[in-house]
Amino acid sequence: MAINFNTPKSCTSRAVTVQGTVAAGSFGLLTIRLDVTNTATPTRNRSFYREIDLDNTASATSLAVNASYTLSIVPKLVGSDTVTENYSFSYDVNE
């Protein structure tokens, strides 16, 4: 028996492609943020984020990141919603 907890569909899945580099010997943090705005109904404005740990502490070479991550937007998008994607890398050097 298959169970679907998202019926009826209550969210919109949004894939975000990211590219960057984590320095050798470092622990990286990737932060992805989706800002949803709606000029017709400002009460629908909201933000969603996801943080991904990137452990490169044991490596003597940089870690190239080229990946796609999916975030869920709840409630699902309507035609007048606009989505802005942002992502950033930060890291601590392992000294």
PDB file of N, CA and C in Angstrom:
ATOM      1  N   MET A   1       0.846  -1.170   0.000  1.00  0.00           N
ATOM      2  CA  MET A   1       0.000   0.000   0.000  1.00  0.00           C
ATOM      3  C   MET A   1       0.895   1.237   0.000  1.00  0.00           C
ATOM      4  N   ALA A   2       0.660   2.127  -0.934  1.00  0.00           N
ATOM      5  CA  ALA A   2       1.414   3.380  -1.010  1.00  0.00           C
ATOM      6  C   ALA A   2       0.669   4.470  -0.246  1.00  0.00           C
ATOM      7  N   ILE A   3       1.428   5.246   0.498  1.00  0.00           N
ATOM      8  CA  ILE A   3       0.842   6.350   1.257  1.00  0.00           C
ATOM      9  C   ILE A   3       1.426   7.650   0.729  1.00  0.00           C
ATOM     10  N   ASN A   4       0.570   8.597   0.427  1.00  0.00           N
ATOM     11  CA  ASN A   4       1.007   9.897  -0.068  1.00  0.00           C
ATOM     12  C   ASN A   4       0.490  10.958   0.894  1.00  0.00           C
ATOM     13  N   PHE A   5       1.396  11.576   1.651  1.00  0.00           N
ATOM     14  CA  PHE A   5       0.999  12.566   2.636  1.00  0.00           C
ATOM     15  C   PHE A   5       0.803  13.949   2.030  1.00  0.00           C
ATOM     16  N   ASN A   6       0.999  14.080   0.744  1.00  0.00           N
ATOM     17  CA  ASN A   6       0.851  15.381   0.092  1.00  0.00           C
ATOM     18  C   ASN A   6      -0.274  15.315  -0.939  1.00  0.00           C
ATOM     19  N   THR A   7      -1.409  14.735  -0.538  1.00  0.00           N
ATOM     20  CA  THR A   7      -2.580  14.670  -1.398  1.00  0.00           C
ATOM     21  C   THR A   7      -3.742  15.270  -0.634  1.00  0.00           C
ATOM     22  N   PRO A   8      -4.422  16.279  -1.077  1.00  0.00           N
ATOM     23  CA  PRO A   8      -4.098  16.972  -2.321  1.00  0.00           C
ATOM     24  C   PRO A   8      -2.798  17.757  -2.189  1.00  0.00           C
ATOM     25  N   LYS A   9      -2.214  18.071  -3.310  1.00  0.00           N
ATOM     26  CA  LYS A   9      -0.907  18.750  -3.323  1.00  0.00           C
ATOM     27  C   LYS A   9      -0.988  20.060  -2.546  1.00  0.00           C
ATOM     28  N   SER A  10      -0.170  20.160  -1.498  1.00  0.00           N
ATOM     29  CA  SER A  10      -0.197  21.342  -0.632  1.00  0.00           C
ATOM     30  C   SER A  10       1.093  22.141  -0.700  1.00  0.00           C
ATOM     31  N   CYS A  11       2.063  21.672  -1.502  1.00  0.00           N
ATOM     32  CA  CYS A  11       3.325  22.389  -1.591  1.00  0.00           C
ATOM     33  C   CYS A  11       3.800  22.426  -3.041  1.00  0.00           C
ATOM     34  N   THR A  12       4.763  23.297  -3.290  1.00  0.00           N
ATOM     35  CA  THR A  12       5.436  23.367  -4.577  1.00  0.00           C
ATOM     36  C   THR A  12       6.895  23.019  -4.339  1.00  0.00           C
ATOM     37  N   SER A  13       7.400  22.040  -5.075  1.00  0.00           N
ATOM     38  CA  SER A  13       8.817  21.680  -4.972  1.00  0.00           C
ATOM     39  C   SER A  13       9.606  22.591  -5.896  1.00  0.00           C
ATOM     40  N   ARG A  14      10.725  23.119  -5.383  1.00  0.00           N
ATOM     41  CA  ARG A  14      11.549  24.033  -6.175  1.00  0.00           C
ATOM     42  C   ARG A  14      13.000  23.569  -6.109  1.00  0.00           C
ATOM     43  N   ALA A  15      13.554  23.183  -7.247  1.00  0.00           N
ATOM     44  CA  ALA A  15      14.955  22.764  -7.312  1.00  0.00           C
ATOM     45  C   ALA A  15      15.837  23.991  -7.500  1.00  0.00           C
ATOM     46  N   VAL A  16      16.939  24.037  -6.760  1.00  0.00           N
ATOM     47  CA  VAL A  16      17.902  25.137  -6.848  1.00  0.00           C
ATOM     48  C   VAL A  16      19.271  24.529  -7.158  1.00  0.00           C
ATOM     49  N   THR A  17      19.868  24.967  -8.252  1.00  0.00           N
ATOM     50  CA  THR A  17      21.196  24.493  -8.619  1.00  0.00           C
ATOM     51  C   THR A  17      22.238  25.438  -8.037  1.00  0.00           C
ATOM     52  N   VAL A  18      23.235  24.873  -7.367  1.00  0.00           N
ATOM     53  CA  VAL A  18      24.277  25.680  -6.736  1.00  0.00           C
ATOM     54  C   VAL A  18      25.646  25.276  -7.259  1.00  0.00           C
ATOM     55  N   GLN A  19      26.537  26.249  -7.311  1.00  0.00           N
ATOM     56  CA  GLN A  19      27.925  26.015  -7.699  1.00  0.00           C
ATOM     57  C   GLN A  19      28.819  26.825  -6.779  1.00  0.00           C
ATOM     58  N   GLY A  20      29.906  26.222  -6.353  1.00  0.00           N
ATOM     59  CA  GLY A  20      30.845  26.928  -5.492  1.00  0.00           C
ATOM     60  C   GLY A  20      31.998  26.019  -5.108  1.00  0.00           C
ATOM     61  N   THR A  21      32.822  26.508  -4.208  1.00  0.00           N
ATOM     62  CA  THR A  21      34.004  25.769  -3.782  1.00  0.00           C
ATOM     63  C   THR A  21      34.182  25.904  -2.277  1.00  0.00           C
ATOM     64  N   VAL A  22      34.514  24.784  -1.639  1.00  0.00           N
ATOM     65  CA  VAL A  22      34.888  24.792  -0.230  1.00  0.00           C
ATOM     66  C   VAL A  22      36.400  24.582  -0.187  1.00  0.00           C
ATOM     67  N   ALA A  23      37.106  25.467   0.485  1.00  0.00           N
ATOM     68  CA  ALA A  23      38.567  25.417   0.537  1.00  0.00           C
ATOM     69  C   ALA A  23      39.060  24.114   1.168  1.00  0.00           C
ATOM     70  N   ALA A  24      40.270  23.732   0.791  1.00  0.00           N
ATOM     71  CA  ALA A  24      40.911  22.548   1.367  1.00  0.00           C
ATOM     72  C   ALA A  24      41.011  22.699   2.886  1.00  0.00           C
ATOM     73  N   GLY A  25      40.799  21.601   3.590  1.00  0.00           N
ATOM     74  CA  GLY A  25      40.921  21.607   5.044  1.00  0.00           C
ATOM     75  C   GLY A  25      39.871  22.434   5.751  1.00  0.00           C
ATOM     76  N   SER A  26      38.715  22.619   5.125  1.00  0.00           N
ATOM     77  CA  SER A  26      37.683  23.494   5.698  1.00  0.00           C
ATOM     78  C   SER A  26      36.355  22.762   5.854  1.00  0.00           C
ATOM     79  N   PHE A  27      35.542  23.325   6.730  1.00  0.00           N
ATOM     80  CA  PHE A  27      34.168  22.866   6.909  1.00  0.00           C
ATOM     81  C   PHE A  27      33.270  23.942   6.321  1.00  0.00           C
ATOM     82  N   GLY A  28      32.495  23.584   5.311  1.00  0.00           N
ATOM     83  CA  GLY A  28      31.668  24.571   4.630  1.00  0.00           C
ATOM     84  C   GLY A  28      30.205  24.490   5.031  1.00  0.00           C
ATOM     85  N   LEU A  29      29.527  25.601   4.903  1.00  0.00           N
ATOM     86  CA  LEU A  29      28.088  25.668   5.139  1.00  0.00           C
ATOM     87  C   LEU A  29      27.460  26.343   3.927  1.00  0.00           C
ATOM     88  N   LEU A  30      26.581  25.622   3.264  1.00  0.00           N
ATOM     89  CA  LEU A  30      25.833  26.156   2.133  1.00  0.00           C
ATOM     90  C   LEU A  30      24.457  26.544   2.634  1.00  0.00           C
ATOM     91  N   THR A  31      24.050  27.778   2.392  1.00  0.00           N
ATOM     92  CA  THR A  31      22.722  28.237   2.778  1.00  0.00           C
ATOM     93  C   THR A  31      21.955  28.595   1.518  1.00  0.00           C
ATOM     94  N   ILE A  32      20.786  27.989   1.350  1.00  0.00           N
ATOM     95  CA  ILE A  32      19.899  28.271   0.222  1.00  0.00           C
ATOM     96  C   ILE A  32      18.656  28.946   0.777  1.00  0.00           C
ATOM     97  N   ARG A  33      18.248  30.050   0.133  1.00  0.00           N
ATOM     98  CA  ARG A  33      17.053  30.768   0.584  1.00  0.00           C
ATOM     99  C   ARG A  33      16.155  31.057  -0.609  1.00  0.00           C
ATOM    100  N   LEU A  34      14.866  30.778  -0.433  1.00  0.00           N
ATOM    101  CA  LEU A  34      13.860  31.145  -1.413  1.00  0.00           C
ATOM    102  C   LEU A  34      12.972  32.215  -0.800  1.00  0.00           C
ATOM    103  N   ASP A  35      12.876  33.350  -1.459  1.00  0.00           N
ATOM    104  CA  ASP A  35      11.985  34.418  -1.018  1.00  0.00           C
ATOM    105  C   ASP A  35      10.779  34.440  -1.942  1.00  0.00           C
ATOM    106  N   VAL A  36       9.597  34.239  -1.370  1.00  0.00           N
ATOM    107  CA  VAL A  36       8.354  34.247  -2.129  1.00  0.00           C
ATOM    108  C   VAL A  36       7.639  35.559  -1.837  1.00  0.00           C
ATOM    109  N   THR A  37       7.342  36.311  -2.891  1.00  0.00           N
ATOM    110  CA  THR A  37       6.631  37.581  -2.726  1.00  0.00           C
ATOM    111  C   THR A  37       5.385  37.586  -3.607  1.00  0.00           C
ATOM    112  N   ASN A  38       4.419  38.381  -3.178  1.00  0.00           N
ATOM    113  CA  ASN A  38       3.171  38.507  -3.911  1.00  0.00           C
ATOM    114  C   ASN A  38       2.684  39.943  -3.742  1.00  0.00           C
ATOM    115  N   THR A  39       2.795  40.744  -4.796  1.00  0.00           N
ATOM    116  CA  THR A  39       2.412  42.158  -4.695  1.00  0.00           C
ATOM    117  C   THR A  39       0.909  42.331  -4.520  1.00  0.00           C
ATOM    118  N   ALA A  40       0.111  41.388  -5.011  1.00  0.00           N
ATOM    119  CA  ALA A  40      -1.347  41.488  -4.865  1.00  0.00           C
ATOM    120  C   ALA A  40      -1.798  41.132  -3.454  1.00  0.00           C
ATOM    121  N   THR A  41      -1.083  40.221  -2.797  1.00  0.00           N
ATOM    122  CA  THR A  41      -1.441  39.773  -1.448  1.00  0.00           C
ATOM    123  C   THR A  41      -0.165  39.675  -0.614  1.00  0.00           C
ATOM    124  N   PRO A  42       0.298  40.815  -0.051  1.00  0.00           N
ATOM    125  CA  PRO A  42       1.565  40.809   0.700  1.00  0.00           C
ATOM    126  C   PRO A  42       1.595  39.849   1.893  1.00  0.00           C
ATOM    127  N   THR A  43       0.451  39.437   2.410  1.00  0.00           N
ATOM    128  CA  THR A  43       0.444  38.492   3.531  1.00  0.00           C
ATOM    129  C   THR A  43       0.959  37.123   3.103  1.00  0.00           C
ATOM    130  N   ARG A  44       1.070  36.889   1.790  1.00  0.00           N
ATOM    131  CA  ARG A  44       1.628  35.626   1.291  1.00  0.00           C
ATOM    132  C   ARG A  44       3.152  35.660   1.219  1.00  0.00           C
ATOM    133  N   ASN A  45       3.780  36.822   1.457  1.00  0.00           N
ATOM    134  CA  ASN A  45       5.243  36.926   1.412  1.00  0.00           C
ATOM    135  C   ASN A  45       5.852  36.038   2.488  1.00  0.00           C
ATOM    136  N   ARG A  46       6.862  35.262   2.097  1.00  0.00           N
ATOM    137  CA  ARG A  46       7.496  34.364   3.055  1.00  0.00           C
ATOM    138  C   ARG A  46       8.845  33.912   2.513  1.00  0.00           C
ATOM    139  N   SER A  47       9.657  33.337   3.384  1.00  0.00           N
ATOM    140  CA  SER A  47      10.982  32.857   3.007  1.00  0.00           C
ATOM    141  C   SER A  47      11.166  31.427   3.496  1.00  0.00           C
ATOM    142  N   PHE A  48      11.947  30.663   2.734  1.00  0.00           N
ATOM    143  CA  PHE A  48      12.263  29.285   3.069  1.00  0.00           C
ATOM    144  C   PHE A  48      13.765  29.119   2.935  1.00  0.00           C
ATOM    145  N   TYR A  49      14.362  28.327   3.813  1.00  0.00           N
ATOM    146  CA  TYR A  49      15.805  28.135   3.692  1.00  0.00           C
ATOM    147  C   TYR A  49      16.184  26.704   4.044  1.00  0.00           C
ATOM    148  N   ARG A  50      17.360  26.349   3.567  1.00  0.00           N
ATOM    149  CA  ARG A  50      17.948  25.045   3.877  1.00  0.00           C
ATOM    150  C   ARG A  50      19.443  25.242   4.023  1.00  0.00           C
ATOM    151  N   GLU A  51      20.028  24.581   5.022  1.00  0.00           N
ATOM    152  CA  GLU A  51      21.483  24.631   5.230  1.00  0.00           C
ATOM    153  C   GLU A  51      22.057  23.231   5.029  1.00  0.00           C
ATOM    154  N   ILE A  52      23.160  23.160   4.308  1.00  0.00           N
ATOM    155  CA  ILE A  52      23.823  21.895   4.023  1.00  0.00           C
ATOM    156  C   ILE A  52      25.265  21.983   4.502  1.00  0.00           C
ATOM    157  N   ASP A  53      25.687  21.032   5.343  1.00  0.00           N
ATOM    158  CA  ASP A  53      27.071  20.959   5.812  1.00  0.00           C
ATOM    159  C   ASP A  53      27.935  20.295   4.745  1.00  0.00           C
ATOM    160  N   LEU A  54      29.099  20.857   4.503  1.00  0.00           N
ATOM    161  CA  LEU A  54      30.044  20.310   3.529  1.00  0.00           C
ATOM    162  C   LEU A  54      31.398  20.144   4.227  1.00  0.00           C
ATOM    163  N   ASP A  55      31.686  18.924   4.655  1.00  0.00           N
ATOM    164  CA  ASP A  55      32.899  18.652   5.427  1.00  0.00           C
ATOM    165  C   ASP A  55      34.063  18.326   4.485  1.00  0.00           C
ATOM    166  N   ASN A  56      35.001  19.247   4.371  1.00  0.00           N
ATOM    167  CA  ASN A  56      36.193  19.049   3.553  1.00  0.00           C
ATOM    168  C   ASN A  56      37.452  19.151   4.421  1.00  0.00           C
ATOM    169  N   THR A  57      37.299  18.886   5.714  1.00  0.00           N
ATOM    170  CA  THR A  57      38.405  19.055   6.660  1.00  0.00           C
ATOM    171  C   THR A  57      39.534  18.060   6.446  1.00  0.00           C
ATOM    172  N   ALA A  58      39.232  16.889   5.910  1.00  0.00           N
ATOM    173  CA  ALA A  58      40.260  15.861   5.752  1.00  0.00           C
ATOM    174  C   ALA A  58      40.958  15.930   4.395  1.00  0.00           C
ATOM    175  N   SER A  59      40.605  16.893   3.575  1.00  0.00           N
ATOM    176  CA  SER A  59      41.155  16.948   2.225  1.00  0.00           C
ATOM    177  C   SER A  59      42.180  18.065   2.065  1.00  0.00           C
ATOM    178  N   ALA A  60      43.211  17.791   1.285  1.00  0.00           N
ATOM    179  CA  ALA A  60      44.236  18.793   0.979  1.00  0.00           C
ATOM    180  C   ALA A  60      43.903  19.562  -0.301  1.00  0.00           C
ATOM    181  N   THR A  61      42.763  19.229  -0.922  1.00  0.00           N
ATOM    182  CA  THR A  61      42.343  19.934  -2.144  1.00  0.00           C
ATOM    183  C   THR A  61      40.964  20.548  -1.945  1.00  0.00           C
ATOM    184  N   SER A  62      40.672  21.542  -2.736  1.00  0.00           N
ATOM    185  CA  SER A  62      39.363  22.197  -2.671  1.00  0.00           C
ATOM    186  C   SER A  62      38.265  21.241  -3.109  1.00  0.00           C
ATOM    187  N   LEU A  63      37.066  21.459  -2.579  1.00  0.00           N
ATOM    188  CA  LEU A  63      35.894  20.666  -2.929  1.00  0.00           C
ATOM    189  C   LEU A  63      35.003  21.492  -3.838  1.00  0.00           C
ATOM    190  N   ALA A  64      34.871  21.061  -5.084  1.00  0.00           N
ATOM    191  CA  ALA A  64      33.971  21.741  -6.020  1.00  0.00           C
ATOM    192  C   ALA A  64      32.551  21.241  -5.774  1.00  0.00           C
ATOM    193  N   VAL A  65      31.619  22.168  -5.655  1.00  0.00           N
ATOM    194  CA  VAL A  65      30.223  21.820  -5.428  1.00  0.00           C
ATOM    195  C   VAL A  65      29.427  22.254  -6.655  1.00  0.00           C
ATOM    196  N   ASN A  66      28.750  21.306  -7.255  1.00  0.00           N
ATOM    197  CA  ASN A  66      27.864  21.560  -8.382  1.00  0.00           C
ATOM    198  C   ASN A  66      26.698  20.600  -8.196  1.00  0.00           C
ATOM    199  N   ALA A  67      25.652  21.062  -7.534  1.00  0.00           N
ATOM    200  CA  ALA A  67      24.573  20.175  -7.133  1.00  0.00           C
ATOM    201  C   ALA A  67      23.231  20.886  -7.206  1.00  0.00           C
ATOM    202  N   SER A  68      22.182  20.100  -7.112  1.00  0.00           N
ATOM    203  CA  SER A  68      20.831  20.634  -7.084  1.00  0.00           C
ATOM    204  C   SER A  68      20.153  20.160  -5.803  1.00  0.00           C
ATOM    205  N   TYR A  69      19.491  21.064  -5.111  1.00  0.00           N
ATOM    206  CA  TYR A  69      18.771  20.749  -3.885  1.00  0.00           C
ATOM    207  C   TYR A  69      17.332  21.198  -4.059  1.00  0.00           C
ATOM    208  N   THR A  70      16.399  20.427  -3.508  1.00  0.00           N
ATOM    209  CA  THR A  70      14.979  20.738  -3.644  1.00  0.00           C
ATOM    210  C   THR A  70      14.424  21.227  -2.316  1.00  0.00           C
ATOM    211  N   LEU A  71      13.729  22.351  -2.373  1.00  0.00           N
ATOM    212  CA  LEU A  71      13.061  22.909  -1.202  1.00  0.00           C
ATOM    213  C   LEU A  71      11.556  22.881  -1.456  1.00  0.00           C
ATOM    214  N   SER A  72      10.785  22.722  -0.397  1.00  0.00           N
ATOM    215  CA  SER A  72       9.325  22.719  -0.499  1.00  0.00           C
ATOM    216  C   SER A  72       8.781  24.072  -0.079  1.00  0.00           C
ATOM    217  N   ILE A  73       7.881  24.604  -0.878  1.00  0.00           N
ATOM    218  CA  ILE A  73       7.229  25.882  -0.588  1.00  0.00           C
ATOM    219  C   ILE A  73       5.788  25.570  -0.169  1.00  0.00           C
ATOM    220  N   VAL A  74       5.445  25.973   1.056  1.00  0.00           N
ATOM    221  CA  VAL A  74       4.119  25.719   1.611  1.00  0.00           C
ATOM    222  C   VAL A  74       3.536  27.029   2.110  1.00  0.00           C
ATOM    223  N   PRO A  75       2.299  27.406   1.766  1.00  0.00           N
ATOM    224  CA  PRO A  75       1.434  26.697   0.839  1.00  0.00           C
ATOM    225  C   PRO A  75       1.954  26.809  -0.587  1.00  0.00           C
ATOM    226  N   LYS A  76       1.408  25.959  -1.472  1.00  0.00           N
ATOM    227  CA  LYS A  76       1.904  25.909  -2.845  1.00  0.00           C
ATOM    228  C   LYS A  76       1.771  27.268  -3.519  1.00  0.00           C
ATOM    229  N   LEU A  77       2.603  27.473  -4.529  1.00  0.00           N
ATOM    230  CA  LEU A  77       2.620  28.742  -5.247  1.00  0.00           C
ATOM    231  C   LEU A  77       1.317  28.957  -6.008  1.00  0.00           C
ATOM    232  N   VAL A  78       0.926  30.226  -6.097  1.00  0.00           N
ATOM    233  CA  VAL A  78      -0.190  30.623  -6.952  1.00  0.00           C
ATOM    234  C   VAL A  78       0.377  31.505  -8.054  1.00  0.00           C
ATOM    235  N   GLY A  79      -0.425  31.775  -9.061  1.00  0.00           N
ATOM    236  CA  GLY A  79       0.052  32.489 -10.241  1.00  0.00           C
ATOM    237  C   GLY A  79       0.665  33.846  -9.983  1.00  0.00           C
ATOM    238  N   SER A  80       0.260  34.541  -8.924  1.00  0.00           N
ATOM    239  CA  SER A  80       0.784  35.878  -8.652  1.00  0.00           C
ATOM    240  C   SER A  80       2.000  35.872  -7.730  1.00  0.00           C
ATOM    241  N   ASP A  81       2.486  34.693  -7.321  1.00  0.00           N
ATOM    242  CA  ASP A  81       3.684  34.591  -6.488  1.00  0.00           C
ATOM    243  C   ASP A  81       4.936  34.696  -7.352  1.00  0.00           C
ATOM    244  N   THR A  82       5.965  35.331  -6.800  1.00  0.00           N
ATOM    245  CA  THR A  82       7.276  35.411  -7.439  1.00  0.00           C
ATOM    246  C   THR A  82       8.299  34.804  -6.494  1.00  0.00           C
ATOM    247  N   VAL A  83       9.205  33.979  -7.032  1.00  0.00           N
ATOM    248  CA  VAL A  83      10.231  33.324  -6.213  1.00  0.00           C
ATOM    249  C   VAL A  83      11.597  33.842  -6.619  1.00  0.00           C
ATOM    250  N   THR A  84      12.375  34.271  -5.618  1.00  0.00           N
ATOM    251  CA  THR A  84      13.759  34.687  -5.829  1.00  0.00           C
ATOM    252  C   THR A  84      14.658  33.698  -5.113  1.00  0.00           C
ATOM    253  N   GLU A  85      15.629  33.133  -5.857  1.00  0.00           N
ATOM    254  CA  GLU A  85      16.564  32.160  -5.296  1.00  0.00           C
ATOM    255  C   GLU A  85      17.859  32.851  -4.892  1.00  0.00           C
ATOM    256  N   ASN A  86      18.366  32.503  -3.718  1.00  0.00           N
ATOM    257  CA  ASN A  86      19.649  33.000  -3.234  1.00  0.00           C
ATOM    258  C   ASN A  86      20.391  31.845  -2.579  1.00  0.00           C
ATOM    259  N   TYR A  87      21.712  31.818  -2.759  1.00  0.00           N
ATOM    260  CA  TYR A  87      22.508  30.850  -2.012  1.00  0.00           C
ATOM    261  C   TYR A  87      23.871  31.457  -1.723  1.00  0.00           C
ATOM    262  N   SER A  88      24.475  30.976  -0.649  1.00  0.00           N
ATOM    263  CA  SER A  88      25.785  31.472  -0.262  1.00  0.00           C
ATOM    264  C   SER A  88      26.580  30.358   0.424  1.00  0.00           C
ATOM    265  N   PHE A  89      27.892  30.471   0.309  1.00  0.00           N
ATOM    266  CA  PHE A  89      28.816  29.552   0.969  1.00  0.00           C
ATOM    267  C   PHE A  89      29.562  30.299   2.049  1.00  0.00           C
ATOM    268  N   SER A  90      29.766  29.645   3.165  1.00  0.00           N
ATOM    269  CA  SER A  90      30.671  30.158   4.186  1.00  0.00           C
ATOM    270  C   SER A  90      31.455  28.957   4.705  1.00  0.00           C
ATOM    271  N   TYR A  91      32.635  29.204   5.251  1.00  0.00           N
ATOM    272  CA  TYR A  91      33.395  28.084   5.782  1.00  0.00           C
ATOM    273  C   TYR A  91      34.397  28.552   6.808  1.00  0.00           C
ATOM    274  N   ASP A  92      34.769  27.577   7.658  1.00  0.00           N
ATOM    275  CA  ASP A  92      35.796  27.785   8.670  1.00  0.00           C
ATOM    276  C   ASP A  92      37.011  26.983   8.252  1.00  0.00           C
ATOM    277  N   VAL A  93      38.151  27.634   8.251  1.00  0.00           N
ATOM    278  CA  VAL A  93      39.393  26.957   7.916  1.00  0.00           C
ATOM    279  C   VAL A  93      39.845  26.143   9.113  1.00  0.00           C
ATOM    280  N   ASN A  94      40.171  24.895   8.870  1.00  0.00           N
ATOM    281  CA  ASN A  94      40.631  23.995   9.934  1.00  0.00           C
ATOM    282  C   ASN A  94      42.136  24.214  10.128  1.00  0.00           C
ATOM    283  N   GLU A  95      42.507  24.928  11.172  1.00  0.00           N
ATOM    284  CA  GLU A  95      43.931  25.250  11.383  1.00  0.00           C
ATOM    285  C   GLU A  95      44.531  24.366  12.445  1.00  0.00           C
TER     286      GLU A  95
END
